[in-house]
Amino acid sequence: MEMTLAPDELAVMFERGLVGGFDPTQVSRIATRIYLQHGLELTPKTDGLILTLMAMEEGPEFELSETEFVSLMEEVKTS
C-alpha cells in the first residue's frame, strides 16, 4: 500500500518551519527538505506546489509574496 502525505500535514510542516515569520528563502529550504524526505508520498498537486516553492530560492522572479504563500497553504489544507 502506497502512503500519501496528507495536504494538512504538508501545511503544518511549513507552519512549524516558519515560526519566525515569512521568509521566501526559508520556504524554499523547507520545500526542498520535504521533497527529499517525502517526494514519493506527494500527490501530483502537492508535488507541483512543492516544486514551485523550491524555486523561490532561485531568484526574486520566482518568489511568492506572503499573501500568495498563505493562499496556497489554505488551498492545500482544503484539498
PDB file of N, CA and C in Angstrom:
ATOM      1  N   MET A   1       0.840  -1.180   0.000  1.00  0.00           N
ATOM      2  CA  MET A   1       0.000   0.000   0.000  1.00  0.00           C
ATOM      3  C   MET A   1       0.890   1.250   0.000  1.00  0.00           C
ATOM      4  N   GLU A   2       0.570   2.174  -0.876  1.00  0.00           N
ATOM      5  CA  GLU A   2       1.367   3.385  -1.016  1.00  0.00           C
ATOM      6  C   GLU A   2       0.880   4.459  -0.053  1.00  0.00           C
ATOM      7  N   MET A   3       1.824   5.086   0.640  1.00  0.00           N
ATOM      8  CA  MET A   3       1.484   6.151   1.581  1.00  0.00           C
ATOM      9  C   MET A   3       1.482   7.490   0.845  1.00  0.00           C
ATOM     10  N   THR A   4       0.563   8.356   1.231  1.00  0.00           N
ATOM     11  CA  THR A   4       0.499   9.692   0.669  1.00  0.00           C
ATOM     12  C   THR A   4       0.573  10.692   1.806  1.00  0.00           C
ATOM     13  N   LEU A   5       1.369  11.715   1.621  1.00  0.00           N
ATOM     14  CA  LEU A   5       1.475  12.779   2.606  1.00  0.00           C
ATOM     15  C   LEU A   5       0.208  13.623   2.520  1.00  0.00           C
ATOM     16  N   ALA A   6      -0.535  13.683   3.611  1.00  0.00           N
ATOM     17  CA  ALA A   6      -1.789  14.439   3.633  1.00  0.00           C
ATOM     18  C   ALA A   6      -1.510  15.933   3.464  1.00  0.00           C
ATOM     19  N   PRO A   7      -2.357  16.622   2.694  1.00  0.00           N
ATOM     20  CA  PRO A   7      -2.153  18.055   2.474  1.00  0.00           C
ATOM     21  C   PRO A   7      -2.065  18.861   3.769  1.00  0.00           C
ATOM     22  N   ASP A   8      -2.874  18.507   4.772  1.00  0.00           N
ATOM     23  CA  ASP A   8      -2.811  19.269   6.017  1.00  0.00           C
ATOM     24  C   ASP A   8      -1.483  19.030   6.746  1.00  0.00           C
ATOM     25  N   GLU A   9      -0.921  17.822   6.602  1.00  0.00           N
ATOM     26  CA  GLU A   9       0.409  17.546   7.184  1.00  0.00           C
ATOM     27  C   GLU A   9       1.463  18.434   6.524  1.00  0.00           C
ATOM     28  N   LEU A  10       1.329  18.600   5.224  1.00  0.00           N
ATOM     29  CA  LEU A  10       2.246  19.439   4.463  1.00  0.00           C
ATOM     30  C   LEU A  10       2.188  20.883   4.957  1.00  0.00           C
ATOM     31  N   ALA A  11       0.995  21.395   5.132  1.00  0.00           N
ATOM     32  CA  ALA A  11       0.821  22.766   5.610  1.00  0.00           C
ATOM     33  C   ALA A  11       1.428  22.933   7.001  1.00  0.00           C
ATOM     34  N   VAL A  12       1.251  21.940   7.867  1.00  0.00           N
ATOM     35  CA  VAL A  12       1.800  22.003   9.224  1.00  0.00           C
ATOM     36  C   VAL A  12       3.330  22.047   9.182  1.00  0.00           C
ATOM     37  N   MET A  13       3.937  21.301   8.263  1.00  0.00           N
ATOM     38  CA  MET A  13       5.396  21.313   8.139  1.00  0.00           C
ATOM     39  C   MET A  13       5.907  22.720   7.830  1.00  0.00           C
ATOM     40  N   PHE A  14       5.192  23.433   6.977  1.00  0.00           N
ATOM     41  CA  PHE A  14       5.592  24.805   6.662  1.00  0.00           C
ATOM     42  C   PHE A  14       5.345  25.726   7.848  1.00  0.00           C
ATOM     43  N   GLU A  15       4.207  25.577   8.503  1.00  0.00           N
ATOM     44  CA  GLU A  15       3.896  26.422   9.660  1.00  0.00           C
ATOM     45  C   GLU A  15       4.956  26.267  10.748  1.00  0.00           C
ATOM     46  N   ARG A  16       5.370  25.038  11.010  1.00  0.00           N
ATOM     47  CA  ARG A  16       6.398  24.792  12.032  1.00  0.00           C
ATOM     48  C   ARG A  16       7.740  25.383  11.633  1.00  0.00           C
ATOM     49  N   GLY A  17       8.056  25.341  10.357  1.00  0.00           N
ATOM     50  CA  GLY A  17       9.341  25.845   9.880  1.00  0.00           C
ATOM     51  C   GLY A  17       9.413  27.357   9.794  1.00  0.00           C
ATOM     52  N   LEU A  18       8.260  28.008   9.799  1.00  0.00           N
ATOM     53  CA  LEU A  18       8.228  29.460   9.622  1.00  0.00           C
ATOM     54  C   LEU A  18       7.792  30.188  10.886  1.00  0.00           C
ATOM     55  N   VAL A  19       8.169  29.646  12.033  1.00  0.00           N
ATOM     56  CA  VAL A  19       7.762  30.263  13.297  1.00  0.00           C
ATOM     57  C   VAL A  19       8.287  31.690  13.457  1.00  0.00           C
ATOM     58  N   GLY A  20       9.389  32.013  12.823  1.00  0.00           N
ATOM     59  CA  GLY A  20       9.950  33.360  12.915  1.00  0.00           C
ATOM     60  C   GLY A  20       9.332  34.341  11.939  1.00  0.00           C
ATOM     61  N   GLY A  21       8.380  33.883  11.143  1.00  0.00           N
ATOM     62  CA  GLY A  21       7.755  34.741  10.145  1.00  0.00           C
ATOM     63  C   GLY A  21       8.074  34.279   8.732  1.00  0.00           C
ATOM     64  N   PHE A  22       7.424  34.877   7.765  1.00  0.00           N
ATOM     65  CA  PHE A  22       7.568  34.505   6.364  1.00  0.00           C
ATOM     66  C   PHE A  22       8.930  34.924   5.824  1.00  0.00           C
ATOM     67  N   ASP A  23       9.618  33.989   5.188  1.00  0.00           N
ATOM     68  CA  ASP A  23      10.904  34.249   4.555  1.00  0.00           C
ATOM     69  C   ASP A  23      10.991  33.345   3.325  1.00  0.00           C
ATOM     70  N   PRO A  24      10.987  33.929   2.106  1.00  0.00           N
ATOM     71  CA  PRO A  24      10.992  33.120   0.884  1.00  0.00           C
ATOM     72  C   PRO A  24      12.116  32.083   0.830  1.00  0.00           C
ATOM     73  N   THR A  25      13.312  32.457   1.306  1.00  0.00           N
ATOM     74  CA  THR A  25      14.427  31.513   1.294  1.00  0.00           C
ATOM     75  C   THR A  25      14.139  30.338   2.222  1.00  0.00           C
ATOM     76  N   GLN A  26      13.587  30.626   3.378  1.00  0.00           N
ATOM     77  CA  GLN A  26      13.252  29.558   4.328  1.00  0.00           C
ATOM     78  C   GLN A  26      12.155  28.663   3.756  1.00  0.00           C
ATOM     79  N   VAL A  27      11.162  29.255   3.098  1.00  0.00           N
ATOM     80  CA  VAL A  27      10.094  28.471   2.467  1.00  0.00           C
ATOM     81  C   VAL A  27      10.706  27.502   1.464  1.00  0.00           C
ATOM     82  N   SER A  28      11.620  28.005   0.640  1.00  0.00           N
ATOM     83  CA  SER A  28      12.271  27.178  -0.364  1.00  0.00           C
ATOM     84  C   SER A  28      13.051  26.025   0.273  1.00  0.00           C
ATOM     85  N   ARG A  29      13.751  26.316   1.344  1.00  0.00           N
ATOM     86  CA  ARG A  29      14.534  25.269   2.011  1.00  0.00           C
ATOM     87  C   ARG A  29      13.651  24.226   2.675  1.00  0.00           C
ATOM     88  N   ILE A  30      12.541  24.661   3.254  1.00  0.00           N
ATOM     89  CA  ILE A  30      11.583  23.707   3.839  1.00  0.00           C
ATOM     90  C   ILE A  30      11.015  22.827   2.731  1.00  0.00           C
ATOM     91  N   ALA A  31      10.656  23.444   1.605  1.00  0.00           N
ATOM     92  CA  ALA A  31      10.110  22.691   0.471  1.00  0.00           C
ATOM     93  C   ALA A  31      11.112  21.650  -0.022  1.00  0.00           C
ATOM     94  N   THR A  32      12.375  22.033  -0.093  1.00  0.00           N
ATOM     95  CA  THR A  32      13.415  21.096  -0.537  1.00  0.00           C
ATOM     96  C   THR A  32      13.537  19.922   0.432  1.00  0.00           C
ATOM     97  N   ARG A  33      13.532  20.226   1.733  1.00  0.00           N
ATOM     98  CA  ARG A  33      13.594  19.156   2.744  1.00  0.00           C
ATOM     99  C   ARG A  33      12.403  18.197   2.619  1.00  0.00           C
ATOM    100  N   ILE A  34      11.210  18.771   2.450  1.00  0.00           N
ATOM    101  CA  ILE A  34      10.006  17.945   2.313  1.00  0.00           C
ATOM    102  C   ILE A  34      10.124  17.071   1.064  1.00  0.00           C
ATOM    103  N   TYR A  35      10.580  17.669  -0.027  1.00  0.00           N
ATOM    104  CA  TYR A  35      10.702  16.919  -1.282  1.00  0.00           C
ATOM    105  C   TYR A  35      11.695  15.765  -1.146  1.00  0.00           C
ATOM    106  N   LEU A  36      12.807  16.024  -0.485  1.00  0.00           N
ATOM    107  CA  LEU A  36      13.815  14.973  -0.314  1.00  0.00           C
ATOM    108  C   LEU A  36      13.333  13.861   0.615  1.00  0.00           C
ATOM    109  N   GLN A  37      12.592  14.220   1.657  1.00  0.00           N
ATOM    110  CA  GLN A  37      12.138  13.230   2.632  1.00  0.00           C
ATOM    111  C   GLN A  37      10.832  12.533   2.237  1.00  0.00           C
ATOM    112  N   HIS A  38       9.955  13.249   1.518  1.00  0.00           N
ATOM    113  CA  HIS A  38       8.612  12.723   1.263  1.00  0.00           C
ATOM    114  C   HIS A  38       8.223  12.752  -0.216  1.00  0.00           C
ATOM    115  N   GLY A  39       9.189  12.924  -1.110  1.00  0.00           N
ATOM    116  CA  GLY A  39       8.893  13.059  -2.532  1.00  0.00           C
ATOM    117  C   GLY A  39       7.995  11.987  -3.107  1.00  0.00           C
ATOM    118  N   LEU A  40       8.184  10.755  -2.662  1.00  0.00           N
ATOM    119  CA  LEU A  40       7.372   9.648  -3.186  1.00  0.00           C
ATOM    120  C   LEU A  40       5.974   9.619  -2.586  1.00  0.00           C
ATOM    121  N   GLU A  41       5.739  10.389  -1.537  1.00  0.00           N
ATOM    122  CA  GLU A  41       4.441  10.405  -0.868  1.00  0.00           C
ATOM    123  C   GLU A  41       3.558  11.556  -1.336  1.00  0.00           C
ATOM    124  N   LEU A  42       4.054  12.387  -2.246  1.00  0.00           N
ATOM    125  CA  LEU A  42       3.306  13.559  -2.695  1.00  0.00           C
ATOM    126  C   LEU A  42       2.322  13.198  -3.798  1.00  0.00           C
ATOM    127  N   THR A  43       1.183  13.852  -3.780  1.00  0.00           N
ATOM    128  CA  THR A  43       0.219  13.710  -4.879  1.00  0.00           C
ATOM    129  C   THR A  43       0.728  14.594  -6.023  1.00  0.00           C
ATOM    130  N   PRO A  44       0.217  14.412  -7.236  1.00  0.00           N
ATOM    131  CA  PRO A  44       0.655  15.296  -8.331  1.00  0.00           C
ATOM    132  C   PRO A  44       0.454  16.779  -8.002  1.00  0.00           C
ATOM    133  N   LYS A  45      -0.651  17.113  -7.326  1.00  0.00           N
ATOM    134  CA  LYS A  45      -0.918  18.512  -6.984  1.00  0.00           C
ATOM    135  C   LYS A  45       0.098  19.030  -5.964  1.00  0.00           C
ATOM    136  N   THR A  46       0.332  18.266  -4.901  1.00  0.00           N
ATOM    137  CA  THR A  46       1.280  18.740  -3.891  1.00  0.00           C
ATOM    138  C   THR A  46       2.713  18.701  -4.421  1.00  0.00           C
ATOM    139  N   ASP A  47       3.006  17.786  -5.327  1.00  0.00           N
ATOM    140  CA  ASP A  47       4.326  17.745  -5.949  1.00  0.00           C
ATOM    141  C   ASP A  47       4.580  19.051  -6.711  1.00  0.00           C
ATOM    142  N   GLY A  48       3.607  19.499  -7.488  1.00  0.00           N
ATOM    143  CA  GLY A  48       3.737  20.750  -8.232  1.00  0.00           C
ATOM    144  C   GLY A  48       3.904  21.943  -7.304  1.00  0.00           C
ATOM    145  N   LEU A  49       3.159  21.932  -6.221  1.00  0.00           N
ATOM    146  CA  LEU A  49       3.255  23.005  -5.230  1.00  0.00           C
ATOM    147  C   LEU A  49       4.649  23.053  -4.621  1.00  0.00           C
ATOM    148  N   ILE A  50       5.165  21.900  -4.223  1.00  0.00           N
ATOM    149  CA  ILE A  50       6.494  21.831  -3.613  1.00  0.00           C
ATOM    150  C   ILE A  50       7.560  22.316  -4.598  1.00  0.00           C
ATOM    151  N   LEU A  51       7.464  21.908  -5.850  1.00  0.00           N
ATOM    152  CA  LEU A  51       8.446  22.351  -6.848  1.00  0.00           C
ATOM    153  C   LEU A  51       8.391  23.865  -7.035  1.00  0.00           C
ATOM    154  N   THR A  52       7.191  24.446  -7.024  1.00  0.00           N
ATOM    155  CA  THR A  52       7.035  25.901  -7.118  1.00  0.00           C
ATOM    156  C   THR A  52       7.714  26.585  -5.945  1.00  0.00           C
ATOM    157  N   LEU A  53       7.499  26.050  -4.741  1.00  0.00           N
ATOM    158  CA  LEU A  53       8.083  26.659  -3.549  1.00  0.00           C
ATOM    159  C   LEU A  53       9.594  26.463  -3.497  1.00  0.00           C
ATOM    160  N   MET A  54      10.077  25.332  -4.010  1.00  0.00           N
ATOM    161  CA  MET A  54      11.523  25.106  -4.058  1.00  0.00           C
ATOM    162  C   MET A  54      12.200  26.151  -4.948  1.00  0.00           C
ATOM    163  N   ALA A  55      11.538  26.561  -6.004  1.00  0.00           N
ATOM    164  CA  ALA A  55      12.115  27.501  -6.969  1.00  0.00           C
ATOM    165  C   ALA A  55      12.252  28.913  -6.412  1.00  0.00           C
ATOM    166  N   MET A  56      11.591  29.210  -5.299  1.00  0.00           N
ATOM    167  CA  MET A  56      11.628  30.563  -4.751  1.00  0.00           C
ATOM    168  C   MET A  56      13.042  31.027  -4.428  1.00  0.00           C
ATOM    169  N   GLU A  57      13.935  30.106  -4.165  1.00  0.00           N
ATOM    170  CA  GLU A  57      15.318  30.459  -3.823  1.00  0.00           C
ATOM    171  C   GLU A  57      16.136  30.815  -5.067  1.00  0.00           C
ATOM    172  N   GLU A  58      15.578  30.545  -6.239  1.00  0.00           N
ATOM    173  CA  GLU A  58      16.316  30.763  -7.484  1.00  0.00           C
ATOM    174  C   GLU A  58      16.354  32.223  -7.925  1.00  0.00           C
ATOM    175  N   GLY A  59      15.583  33.074  -7.286  1.00  0.00           N
ATOM    176  CA  GLY A  59      15.616  34.488  -7.636  1.00  0.00           C
ATOM    177  C   GLY A  59      14.287  35.153  -7.364  1.00  0.00           C
ATOM    178  N   PRO A  60      14.303  36.484  -7.299  1.00  0.00           N
ATOM    179  CA  PRO A  60      13.088  37.225  -6.953  1.00  0.00           C
ATOM    180  C   PRO A  60      11.927  36.992  -7.918  1.00  0.00           C
ATOM    181  N   GLU A  61      12.246  36.675  -9.169  1.00  0.00           N
ATOM    182  CA  GLU A  61      11.175  36.450 -10.147  1.00  0.00           C
ATOM    183  C   GLU A  61      10.369  35.183  -9.843  1.00  0.00           C
ATOM    184  N   PHE A  62      10.907  34.311  -8.996  1.00  0.00           N
ATOM    185  CA  PHE A  62      10.219  33.069  -8.628  1.00  0.00           C
ATOM    186  C   PHE A  62       9.556  33.149  -7.253  1.00  0.00           C
ATOM    187  N   GLU A  63       9.810  34.221  -6.537  1.00  0.00           N
ATOM    188  CA  GLU A  63       9.292  34.339  -5.172  1.00  0.00           C
ATOM    189  C   GLU A  63       7.799  34.646  -5.168  1.00  0.00           C
ATOM    190  N   LEU A  64       7.106  34.003  -4.241  1.00  0.00           N
ATOM    191  CA  LEU A  64       5.716  34.338  -3.979  1.00  0.00           C
ATOM    192  C   LEU A  64       5.693  35.344  -2.839  1.00  0.00           C
ATOM    193  N   SER A  65       4.685  36.192  -2.838  1.00  0.00           N
ATOM    194  CA  SER A  65       4.522  37.102  -1.705  1.00  0.00           C
ATOM    195  C   SER A  65       3.984  36.297  -0.523  1.00  0.00           C
ATOM    196  N   GLU A  66       4.024  36.885   0.643  1.00  0.00           N
ATOM    197  CA  GLU A  66       3.474  36.199   1.817  1.00  0.00           C
ATOM    198  C   GLU A  66       1.992  35.910   1.615  1.00  0.00           C
ATOM    199  N   THR A  67       1.270  36.842   1.024  1.00  0.00           N
ATOM    200  CA  THR A  67      -0.163  36.655   0.770  1.00  0.00           C
ATOM    201  C   THR A  67      -0.392  35.475  -0.174  1.00  0.00           C
ATOM    202  N   GLU A  68       0.397  35.392  -1.235  1.00  0.00           N
ATOM    203  CA  GLU A  68       0.267  34.277  -2.185  1.00  0.00           C
ATOM    204  C   GLU A  68       0.596  32.954  -1.504  1.00  0.00           C
ATOM    205  N   PHE A  69       1.622  32.956  -0.666  1.00  0.00           N
ATOM    206  CA  PHE A  69       2.011  31.738   0.046  1.00  0.00           C
ATOM    207  C   PHE A  69       0.897  31.292   0.997  1.00  0.00           C
ATOM    208  N   VAL A  70       0.355  32.223   1.762  1.00  0.00           N
ATOM    209  CA  VAL A  70      -0.726  31.896   2.703  1.00  0.00           C
ATOM    210  C   VAL A  70      -1.936  31.356   1.938  1.00  0.00           C
ATOM    211  N   SER A  71      -2.244  31.946   0.804  1.00  0.00           N
ATOM    212  CA  SER A  71      -3.345  31.473  -0.034  1.00  0.00           C
ATOM    213  C   SER A  71      -3.117  30.041  -0.489  1.00  0.00           C
ATOM    214  N   LEU A  72      -1.887  29.744  -0.911  1.00  0.00           N
ATOM    215  CA  LEU A  72      -1.547  28.389  -1.326  1.00  0.00           C
ATOM    216  C   LEU A  72      -1.708  27.397  -0.182  1.00  0.00           C
ATOM    217  N   MET A  73      -1.261  27.778   1.008  1.00  0.00           N
ATOM    218  CA  MET A  73      -1.376  26.893   2.170  1.00  0.00           C
ATOM    219  C   MET A  73      -2.842  26.646   2.532  1.00  0.00           C
ATOM    220  N   GLU A  74      -3.663  27.662   2.409  1.00  0.00           N
ATOM    221  CA  GLU A  74      -5.093  27.496   2.687  1.00  0.00           C
ATOM    222  C   GLU A  74      -5.719  26.552   1.662  1.00  0.00           C
ATOM    223  N   GLU A  75      -5.319  26.706   0.410  1.00  0.00           N
ATOM    224  CA  GLU A  75      -5.814  25.832  -0.654  1.00  0.00           C
ATOM    225  C   GLU A  75      -5.395  24.390  -0.418  1.00  0.00           C
ATOM    226  N   VAL A  76      -4.150  24.219   0.021  1.00  0.00           N
ATOM    227  CA  VAL A  76      -3.639  22.876   0.309  1.00  0.00           C
ATOM    228  C   VAL A  76      -4.424  22.223   1.444  1.00  0.00           C
ATOM    229  N   LYS A  77      -4.689  22.997   2.488  1.00  0.00           N
ATOM    230  CA  LYS A  77      -5.410  22.453   3.651  1.00  0.00           C
ATOM    231  C   LYS A  77      -6.816  21.986   3.286  1.00  0.00           C
ATOM    232  N   THR A  78      -7.440  22.631   2.313  1.00  0.00           N
ATOM    233  CA  THR A  78      -8.822  22.278   1.961  1.00  0.00           C
ATOM    234  C   THR A  78      -8.907  21.270   0.812  1.00  0.00           C
ATOM    235  N   SER A  79      -7.759  20.862   0.287  1.00  0.00           N
ATOM    236  CA  SER A  79      -7.798  19.895  -0.831  1.00  0.00           C
ATOM    237  C   SER A  79      -7.788  18.460  -0.343  1.00  0.00           C
TER     238      SER A  79
END
